[in-house]
Amino acid sequence: MQSVFQTFKQNRKNILALLGEHTLGQVNTIPQGFNNNLLWNAGHLLLSHQFLLYHFSGLPMPDYVQALGPKYGPGTIPDGKASQAEFDLITGHLNSSTQQFIDDYNDGRFKTFKEYTSEYFGITMQTIEEAIQFTIYHEAFHFGFMSAIKLGLR
């Protein structure tokens, strides 16, 4: 799993670096031809990661997951008015939740996993390891959109 975790960490590093290149106004901007922005993608990834890996394993999720759900859950559209505090919350937890998840996995906290099928991707996960691999795929997928949005901000 160490190579899988290295990929996970690199995905997060890439996402955070991309966000760090932009102002609050830019991360809130929805370029023409897109239906979301950089910050929405980052918040969605943070929310999805916590929900998929912890919720379906029967583990408690942090309070911020509930707070972010209405704005960053599947099918939501950003309003382009996220504050600096919200940006800092998302980027801070994207950073800290990476190692926290790895530590939780290595400590054996993930004992069960309730089967889940992603409606959008049509991928079924039956184990935490399959969910981890899906998370890496999902984050890389959104990083591609974020890279395209970055180009649209020019």
N, C-alpha and C. Protein backbone atom coordinates (compact mmCIF):
# COMPACT_ATOMS: atom_id res chain seq x y z
N MET A 1 0.81 -1.20 0.00
CA MET A 1 0.00 0.00 0.00
C MET A 1 0.85 1.27 0.00
N GLN A 2 2.13 1.13 0.32
CA GLN A 2 2.96 2.33 0.41
C GLN A 2 3.02 3.09 -0.91
N SER A 3 3.11 2.38 -2.03
CA SER A 3 3.16 3.08 -3.32
C SER A 3 1.82 3.75 -3.62
N VAL A 4 0.73 3.13 -3.20
CA VAL A 4 -0.59 3.72 -3.37
C VAL A 4 -0.69 5.00 -2.54
N PHE A 5 -0.18 4.95 -1.32
CA PHE A 5 -0.21 6.13 -0.46
C PHE A 5 0.69 7.24 -1.00
N GLN A 6 1.79 6.88 -1.62
CA GLN A 6 2.66 7.90 -2.24
C GLN A 6 1.91 8.61 -3.36
N THR A 7 1.16 7.86 -4.15
CA THR A 7 0.36 8.47 -5.22
C THR A 7 -0.71 9.37 -4.63
N PHE A 8 -1.36 8.93 -3.58
CA PHE A 8 -2.38 9.73 -2.90
C PHE A 8 -1.77 11.04 -2.40
N LYS A 9 -0.62 10.96 -1.74
CA LYS A 9 0.05 12.16 -1.24
C LYS A 9 0.44 13.10 -2.38
N GLN A 10 0.92 12.54 -3.48
CA GLN A 10 1.32 13.38 -4.61
C GLN A 10 0.12 14.06 -5.24
N ASN A 11 -1.00 13.35 -5.36
CA ASN A 11 -2.24 13.97 -5.86
C ASN A 11 -2.59 15.20 -5.02
N ARG A 12 -2.58 15.02 -3.70
CA ARG A 12 -2.93 16.11 -2.80
C ARG A 12 -1.92 17.26 -2.90
N LYS A 13 -0.65 16.91 -3.02
CA LYS A 13 0.38 17.94 -3.16
C LYS A 13 0.14 18.75 -4.43
N ASN A 14 -0.21 18.08 -5.52
CA ASN A 14 -0.47 18.77 -6.79
C ASN A 14 -1.69 19.68 -6.68
N ILE A 15 -2.74 19.20 -6.04
CA ILE A 15 -3.96 19.98 -5.87
C ILE A 15 -3.67 21.23 -5.03
N LEU A 16 -2.97 21.06 -3.92
CA LEU A 16 -2.66 22.19 -3.05
C LEU A 16 -1.74 23.19 -3.74
N ALA A 17 -0.79 22.70 -4.53
CA ALA A 17 0.10 23.61 -5.25
C ALA A 17 -0.69 24.43 -6.26
N LEU A 18 -1.60 23.79 -6.98
CA LEU A 18 -2.41 24.51 -7.96
C LEU A 18 -3.26 25.58 -7.27
N LEU A 19 -3.87 25.24 -6.16
CA LEU A 19 -4.67 26.22 -5.42
C LEU A 19 -3.80 27.38 -4.94
N GLY A 20 -2.61 27.06 -4.50
CA GLY A 20 -1.70 28.07 -3.97
C GLY A 20 -1.23 29.08 -5.00
N GLU A 21 -1.41 28.79 -6.27
CA GLU A 21 -1.01 29.71 -7.34
C GLU A 21 -2.06 30.78 -7.62
N HIS A 22 -3.18 30.73 -6.92
CA HIS A 22 -4.31 31.59 -7.26
C HIS A 22 -4.80 32.40 -6.07
N THR A 23 -5.39 33.54 -6.38
CA THR A 23 -6.00 34.39 -5.37
C THR A 23 -7.36 33.83 -4.99
N LEU A 24 -7.92 34.37 -3.91
CA LEU A 24 -9.27 33.98 -3.50
C LEU A 24 -10.27 34.26 -4.62
N GLY A 25 -10.13 35.40 -5.26
CA GLY A 25 -11.03 35.72 -6.37
C GLY A 25 -10.93 34.72 -7.50
N GLN A 26 -9.71 34.29 -7.80
CA GLN A 26 -9.53 33.33 -8.89
C GLN A 26 -10.09 31.96 -8.55
N VAL A 27 -9.89 31.49 -7.32
CA VAL A 27 -10.40 30.15 -6.97
C VAL A 27 -11.92 30.14 -6.91
N ASN A 28 -12.53 31.32 -6.77
CA ASN A 28 -13.99 31.45 -6.76
C ASN A 28 -14.58 31.65 -8.16
N THR A 29 -13.75 31.95 -9.14
CA THR A 29 -14.22 32.26 -10.49
C THR A 29 -14.59 30.99 -11.26
N ILE A 30 -15.74 31.03 -11.90
CA ILE A 30 -16.17 29.95 -12.79
C ILE A 30 -15.94 30.44 -14.22
N PRO A 31 -14.89 29.92 -14.88
CA PRO A 31 -14.62 30.38 -16.25
C PRO A 31 -15.73 30.00 -17.22
N GLN A 32 -15.84 30.73 -18.27
CA GLN A 32 -16.84 30.43 -19.30
C GLN A 32 -16.64 29.00 -19.79
N GLY A 33 -17.73 28.28 -19.93
CA GLY A 33 -17.68 26.90 -20.39
C GLY A 33 -17.58 25.87 -19.27
N PHE A 34 -17.45 26.33 -18.03
CA PHE A 34 -17.36 25.43 -16.87
C PHE A 34 -18.57 25.65 -15.97
N ASN A 35 -18.86 24.66 -15.12
CA ASN A 35 -19.97 24.83 -14.18
C ASN A 35 -19.49 24.82 -12.73
N ASN A 36 -18.18 24.86 -12.53
CA ASN A 36 -17.65 24.96 -11.18
C ASN A 36 -16.30 25.68 -11.20
N ASN A 37 -15.68 25.78 -10.05
CA ASN A 37 -14.42 26.52 -9.94
C ASN A 37 -13.37 25.69 -9.21
N LEU A 38 -12.20 26.26 -9.04
CA LEU A 38 -11.10 25.55 -8.39
C LEU A 38 -11.45 25.16 -6.96
N LEU A 39 -12.02 26.09 -6.22
CA LEU A 39 -12.32 25.80 -4.81
C LEU A 39 -13.41 24.75 -4.67
N TRP A 40 -14.42 24.78 -5.55
CA TRP A 40 -15.45 23.75 -5.48
C TRP A 40 -14.83 22.37 -5.67
N ASN A 41 -13.95 22.23 -6.65
CA ASN A 41 -13.31 20.93 -6.88
C ASN A 41 -12.53 20.47 -5.65
N ALA A 42 -11.80 21.38 -5.03
CA ALA A 42 -11.02 21.02 -3.84
C ALA A 42 -11.94 20.64 -2.68
N GLY A 43 -12.99 21.42 -2.45
CA GLY A 43 -13.93 21.10 -1.38
C GLY A 43 -14.65 19.79 -1.63
N HIS A 44 -15.01 19.56 -2.88
CA HIS A 44 -15.68 18.32 -3.26
C HIS A 44 -14.77 17.12 -2.99
N LEU A 45 -13.50 17.24 -3.31
CA LEU A 45 -12.57 16.14 -3.09
C LEU A 45 -12.39 15.86 -1.60
N LEU A 46 -12.27 16.90 -0.81
CA LEU A 46 -12.14 16.73 0.63
C LEU A 46 -13.37 16.02 1.19
N LEU A 47 -14.53 16.50 0.82
CA LEU A 47 -15.79 15.92 1.28
C LEU A 47 -15.92 14.46 0.82
N SER A 48 -15.66 14.22 -0.45
CA SER A 48 -15.81 12.87 -1.01
C SER A 48 -14.88 11.88 -0.33
N HIS A 49 -13.64 12.30 -0.11
CA HIS A 49 -12.66 11.43 0.54
C HIS A 49 -13.14 11.02 1.93
N GLN A 50 -13.55 11.99 2.71
CA GLN A 50 -14.00 11.69 4.07
C GLN A 50 -15.24 10.81 4.06
N PHE A 51 -16.18 11.15 3.19
CA PHE A 51 -17.44 10.41 3.16
C PHE A 51 -17.22 8.97 2.69
N LEU A 52 -16.53 8.82 1.57
CA LEU A 52 -16.33 7.49 1.01
C LEU A 52 -15.53 6.59 1.95
N LEU A 53 -14.42 7.06 2.44
CA LEU A 53 -13.54 6.19 3.21
C LEU A 53 -13.99 6.00 4.66
N TYR A 54 -14.47 7.04 5.29
CA TYR A 54 -14.86 6.92 6.70
C TYR A 54 -16.32 6.49 6.87
N HIS A 55 -17.23 7.16 6.18
CA HIS A 55 -18.64 6.83 6.33
C HIS A 55 -18.92 5.37 5.97
N PHE A 56 -18.44 4.92 4.82
CA PHE A 56 -18.72 3.56 4.39
C PHE A 56 -17.92 2.51 5.17
N SER A 57 -17.02 2.98 6.02
CA SER A 57 -16.32 2.08 6.94
C SER A 57 -16.93 2.14 8.33
N GLY A 58 -18.00 2.91 8.48
CA GLY A 58 -18.67 3.00 9.77
C GLY A 58 -17.92 3.82 10.80
N LEU A 59 -17.03 4.68 10.34
CA LEU A 59 -16.23 5.50 11.25
C LEU A 59 -16.77 6.93 11.27
N PRO A 60 -16.60 7.62 12.39
CA PRO A 60 -17.09 9.01 12.46
C PRO A 60 -16.31 9.92 11.51
N MET A 61 -17.03 10.91 11.02
CA MET A 61 -16.41 11.91 10.15
C MET A 61 -16.29 13.22 10.91
N PRO A 62 -15.32 14.04 10.55
CA PRO A 62 -15.17 15.34 11.22
C PRO A 62 -16.40 16.22 11.00
N ASP A 63 -16.62 17.16 11.91
CA ASP A 63 -17.76 18.08 11.82
C ASP A 63 -17.77 18.87 10.53
N TYR A 64 -16.61 19.22 10.01
CA TYR A 64 -16.57 20.05 8.81
C TYR A 64 -17.19 19.36 7.60
N VAL A 65 -17.28 18.05 7.61
CA VAL A 65 -17.89 17.33 6.49
C VAL A 65 -19.36 17.72 6.36
N GLN A 66 -20.07 17.75 7.48
CA GLN A 66 -21.48 18.16 7.46
C GLN A 66 -21.63 19.60 6.98
N ALA A 67 -20.72 20.46 7.42
CA ALA A 67 -20.79 21.87 7.04
C ALA A 67 -20.53 22.08 5.55
N LEU A 68 -19.65 21.29 4.98
CA LEU A 68 -19.29 21.46 3.56
C LEU A 68 -20.27 20.77 2.61
N GLY A 69 -21.00 19.79 3.09
CA GLY A 69 -21.89 19.00 2.24
C GLY A 69 -22.82 19.80 1.34
N PRO A 70 -23.55 20.77 1.89
CA PRO A 70 -24.50 21.51 1.04
C PRO A 70 -23.84 22.32 -0.08
N LYS A 71 -22.58 22.67 0.08
CA LYS A 71 -21.91 23.49 -0.94
C LYS A 71 -21.02 22.68 -1.88
N TYR A 72 -20.52 21.53 -1.41
CA TYR A 72 -19.50 20.82 -2.17
C TYR A 72 -19.87 19.37 -2.48
N GLY A 73 -21.05 18.95 -2.12
CA GLY A 73 -21.48 17.59 -2.40
C GLY A 73 -21.77 17.39 -3.88
N PRO A 74 -21.99 16.14 -4.27
CA PRO A 74 -22.31 15.85 -5.67
C PRO A 74 -23.54 16.63 -6.12
N GLY A 75 -23.47 17.17 -7.32
CA GLY A 75 -24.60 17.88 -7.90
C GLY A 75 -24.73 19.34 -7.49
N THR A 76 -23.85 19.81 -6.60
CA THR A 76 -23.93 21.21 -6.18
C THR A 76 -23.17 22.09 -7.16
N ILE A 77 -23.53 23.36 -7.16
CA ILE A 77 -22.87 24.35 -8.03
C ILE A 77 -22.41 25.49 -7.14
N PRO A 78 -21.16 25.89 -7.27
CA PRO A 78 -20.64 26.95 -6.39
C PRO A 78 -21.28 28.31 -6.69
N ASP A 79 -21.36 29.12 -5.63
CA ASP A 79 -21.90 30.47 -5.80
C ASP A 79 -20.80 31.50 -6.05
N GLY A 80 -19.53 31.08 -5.95
CA GLY A 80 -18.42 31.99 -6.20
C GLY A 80 -18.18 32.99 -5.09
N LYS A 81 -18.70 32.71 -3.89
CA LYS A 81 -18.59 33.66 -2.79
C LYS A 81 -17.90 33.06 -1.56
N ALA A 82 -17.10 32.04 -1.74
CA ALA A 82 -16.42 31.43 -0.61
C ALA A 82 -15.45 32.44 0.02
N SER A 83 -15.38 32.43 1.32
CA SER A 83 -14.52 33.35 2.05
C SER A 83 -13.10 32.81 2.17
N GLN A 84 -12.21 33.66 2.62
CA GLN A 84 -10.84 33.22 2.89
C GLN A 84 -10.83 32.14 3.96
N ALA A 85 -11.69 32.28 4.95
CA ALA A 85 -11.76 31.27 6.02
C ALA A 85 -12.17 29.91 5.46
N GLU A 86 -13.12 29.91 4.52
CA GLU A 86 -13.56 28.65 3.90
C GLU A 86 -12.43 28.05 3.06
N PHE A 87 -11.75 28.90 2.31
CA PHE A 87 -10.59 28.46 1.52
C PHE A 87 -9.54 27.84 2.44
N ASP A 88 -9.23 28.52 3.54
CA ASP A 88 -8.22 28.02 4.48
C ASP A 88 -8.66 26.71 5.12
N LEU A 89 -9.95 26.58 5.43
CA LEU A 89 -10.47 25.35 6.01
C LEU A 89 -10.28 24.19 5.04
N ILE A 90 -10.64 24.41 3.78
CA ILE A 90 -10.53 23.35 2.78
C ILE A 90 -9.08 22.97 2.54
N THR A 91 -8.23 23.94 2.31
CA THR A 91 -6.82 23.61 2.03
C THR A 91 -6.13 23.02 3.26
N GLY A 92 -6.46 23.53 4.43
CA GLY A 92 -5.87 22.99 5.64
C GLY A 92 -6.23 21.53 5.86
N HIS A 93 -7.51 21.20 5.64
CA HIS A 93 -7.94 19.82 5.84
C HIS A 93 -7.52 18.91 4.68
N LEU A 94 -7.39 19.46 3.48
CA LEU A 94 -6.83 18.64 2.39
C LEU A 94 -5.43 18.20 2.77
N ASN A 95 -4.70 19.10 3.38
CA ASN A 95 -3.33 18.79 3.79
C ASN A 95 -3.31 17.81 4.97
N SER A 96 -4.01 18.14 6.04
CA SER A 96 -3.93 17.32 7.25
C SER A 96 -4.63 15.97 7.13
N SER A 97 -5.71 15.90 6.35
CA SER A 97 -6.45 14.64 6.25
C SER A 97 -5.70 13.57 5.47
N THR A 98 -4.74 13.99 4.69
CA THR A 98 -3.95 13.03 3.90
C THR A 98 -3.20 12.08 4.83
N GLN A 99 -2.36 12.64 5.67
CA GLN A 99 -1.58 11.80 6.58
C GLN A 99 -2.45 11.16 7.64
N GLN A 100 -3.50 11.87 8.07
CA GLN A 100 -4.41 11.31 9.07
C GLN A 100 -5.04 10.01 8.55
N PHE A 101 -5.47 10.04 7.28
CA PHE A 101 -6.06 8.83 6.71
C PHE A 101 -5.04 7.69 6.67
N ILE A 102 -3.84 7.98 6.20
CA ILE A 102 -2.79 6.95 6.11
C ILE A 102 -2.52 6.38 7.50
N ASP A 103 -2.42 7.24 8.49
CA ASP A 103 -2.19 6.77 9.86
C ASP A 103 -3.36 5.90 10.34
N ASP A 104 -4.58 6.34 10.05
CA ASP A 104 -5.75 5.56 10.46
C ASP A 104 -5.76 4.19 9.79
N TYR A 105 -5.40 4.15 8.52
CA TYR A 105 -5.35 2.88 7.80
C TYR A 105 -4.27 1.98 8.41
N ASN A 106 -3.09 2.52 8.60
CA ASN A 106 -1.98 1.73 9.15
C ASN A 106 -2.25 1.28 10.58
N ASP A 107 -3.07 2.03 11.31
CA ASP A 107 -3.44 1.66 12.68
C ASP A 107 -4.57 0.63 12.72
N GLY A 108 -5.08 0.22 11.54
CA GLY A 108 -6.11 -0.81 11.47
C GLY A 108 -7.52 -0.33 11.81
N ARG A 109 -7.78 0.96 11.67
CA ARG A 109 -9.11 1.49 12.01
C ARG A 109 -10.19 1.05 11.03
N PHE A 110 -9.81 0.71 9.81
CA PHE A 110 -10.80 0.36 8.78
C PHE A 110 -11.02 -1.15 8.77
N LYS A 111 -11.96 -1.58 9.58
CA LYS A 111 -12.20 -3.01 9.73
C LYS A 111 -13.32 -3.52 8.83
N THR A 112 -14.24 -2.64 8.47
CA THR A 112 -15.35 -3.02 7.60
C THR A 112 -15.50 -1.98 6.50
N PHE A 113 -16.20 -2.36 5.45
CA PHE A 113 -16.52 -1.41 4.39
C PHE A 113 -17.83 -1.85 3.76
N LYS A 114 -18.78 -0.91 3.73
CA LYS A 114 -20.08 -1.19 3.12
C LYS A 114 -19.97 -0.95 1.62
N GLU A 115 -20.31 -1.93 0.84
CA GLU A 115 -20.20 -1.83 -0.62
C GLU A 115 -20.86 -0.55 -1.12
N TYR A 116 -20.19 0.09 -2.06
CA TYR A 116 -20.70 1.33 -2.63
C TYR A 116 -20.38 1.38 -4.12
N THR A 117 -21.35 1.83 -4.91
CA THR A 117 -21.15 2.02 -6.35
C THR A 117 -21.28 3.50 -6.66
N SER A 118 -20.26 4.06 -7.27
CA SER A 118 -20.31 5.46 -7.71
C SER A 118 -21.29 5.56 -8.86
N GLU A 119 -22.30 6.40 -8.69
CA GLU A 119 -23.30 6.57 -9.75
C GLU A 119 -22.67 7.19 -11.00
N TYR A 120 -21.81 8.16 -10.80
CA TYR A 120 -21.21 8.88 -11.92
C TYR A 120 -20.23 8.01 -12.71
N PHE A 121 -19.39 7.26 -12.00
CA PHE A 121 -18.34 6.48 -12.64
C PHE A 121 -18.72 5.03 -12.88
N GLY A 122 -19.75 4.53 -12.19
CA GLY A 122 -20.17 3.15 -12.35
C GLY A 122 -19.18 2.15 -11.79
N ILE A 123 -18.40 2.57 -10.82
CA ILE A 123 -17.39 1.70 -10.21
C ILE A 123 -17.90 1.25 -8.85
N THR A 124 -17.86 -0.07 -8.61
CA THR A 124 -18.28 -0.63 -7.34
C THR A 124 -17.06 -0.92 -6.49
N MET A 125 -17.14 -0.52 -5.23
CA MET A 125 -16.07 -0.77 -4.26
C MET A 125 -16.60 -1.67 -3.16
N GLN A 126 -15.88 -2.73 -2.89
CA GLN A 126 -16.30 -3.67 -1.85
C GLN A 126 -15.37 -3.69 -0.65
N THR A 127 -14.18 -3.11 -0.81
CA THR A 127 -13.20 -3.10 0.28
C THR A 127 -12.63 -1.69 0.43
N ILE A 128 -12.02 -1.43 1.56
CA ILE A 128 -11.39 -0.13 1.78
C ILE A 128 -10.27 0.09 0.76
N GLU A 129 -9.56 -0.96 0.40
CA GLU A 129 -8.47 -0.82 -0.57
C GLU A 129 -9.00 -0.41 -1.94
N GLU A 130 -10.14 -0.96 -2.34
CA GLU A 130 -10.76 -0.55 -3.60
C GLU A 130 -11.22 0.90 -3.52
N ALA A 131 -11.73 1.30 -2.36
CA ALA A 131 -12.17 2.69 -2.17
C ALA A 131 -10.98 3.65 -2.20
N ILE A 132 -9.86 3.24 -1.67
CA ILE A 132 -8.65 4.07 -1.71
C ILE A 132 -8.21 4.26 -3.17
N GLN A 133 -8.20 3.18 -3.92
CA GLN A 133 -7.81 3.29 -5.33
C GLN A 133 -8.79 4.17 -6.10
N PHE A 134 -10.08 4.05 -5.80
CA PHE A 134 -11.06 4.91 -6.44
C PHE A 134 -10.82 6.37 -6.06
N THR A 135 -10.51 6.63 -4.80
CA THR A 135 -10.25 8.00 -4.34
C THR A 135 -9.10 8.62 -5.13
N ILE A 136 -8.05 7.85 -5.37
CA ILE A 136 -6.92 8.35 -6.15
C ILE A 136 -7.36 8.68 -7.57
N TYR A 137 -8.14 7.80 -8.16
CA TYR A 137 -8.68 8.03 -9.51
C TYR A 137 -9.56 9.27 -9.53
N HIS A 138 -10.46 9.38 -8.55
CA HIS A 138 -11.39 10.50 -8.47
C HIS A 138 -10.63 11.82 -8.32
N GLU A 139 -9.62 11.83 -7.46
CA GLU A 139 -8.86 13.07 -7.25
C GLU A 139 -8.06 13.44 -8.49
N ALA A 140 -7.52 12.47 -9.19
CA ALA A 140 -6.79 12.76 -10.43
C ALA A 140 -7.74 13.28 -11.51
N PHE A 141 -8.93 12.71 -11.56
CA PHE A 141 -9.96 13.15 -12.50
C PHE A 141 -10.27 14.64 -12.28
N HIS A 142 -10.51 15.00 -11.02
CA HIS A 142 -10.83 16.39 -10.71
C HIS A 142 -9.61 17.30 -10.88
N PHE A 143 -8.42 16.80 -10.63
CA PHE A 143 -7.22 17.61 -10.85
C PHE A 143 -7.12 17.98 -12.34
N GLY A 144 -7.53 17.07 -13.21
CA GLY A 144 -7.56 17.38 -14.64
C GLY A 144 -8.51 18.52 -14.93
N PHE A 145 -9.69 18.50 -14.32
CA PHE A 145 -10.63 19.61 -14.49
C PHE A 145 -10.06 20.90 -13.91
N MET A 146 -9.41 20.78 -12.76
CA MET A 146 -8.82 21.97 -12.14
C MET A 146 -7.74 22.57 -13.05
N SER A 147 -6.98 21.72 -13.70
CA SER A 147 -5.95 22.20 -14.62
C SER A 147 -6.58 22.92 -15.81
N ALA A 148 -7.70 22.41 -16.29
CA ALA A 148 -8.42 23.06 -17.38
C ALA A 148 -9.01 24.39 -16.92
N ILE A 149 -9.56 24.42 -15.72
CA ILE A 149 -10.10 25.67 -15.17
C ILE A 149 -8.99 26.70 -15.05
N LYS A 150 -7.83 26.26 -14.58
CA LYS A 150 -6.67 27.16 -14.47
C LYS A 150 -6.39 27.84 -15.81
N LEU A 151 -6.43 27.09 -16.88
CA LEU A 151 -6.21 27.66 -18.20
C LEU A 151 -7.32 28.65 -18.57
N GLY A 152 -8.53 28.37 -18.14
CA GLY A 152 -9.66 29.25 -18.42
C GLY A 152 -9.61 30.55 -17.65
N LEU A 153 -8.77 30.62 -16.60
CA LEU A 153 -8.65 31.83 -15.80
C LEU A 153 -7.70 32.85 -16.44
N ARG A 154 -6.98 32.44 -17.45
CA ARG A 154 -6.00 33.33 -18.08
C ARG A 154 -6.65 34.34 -18.97
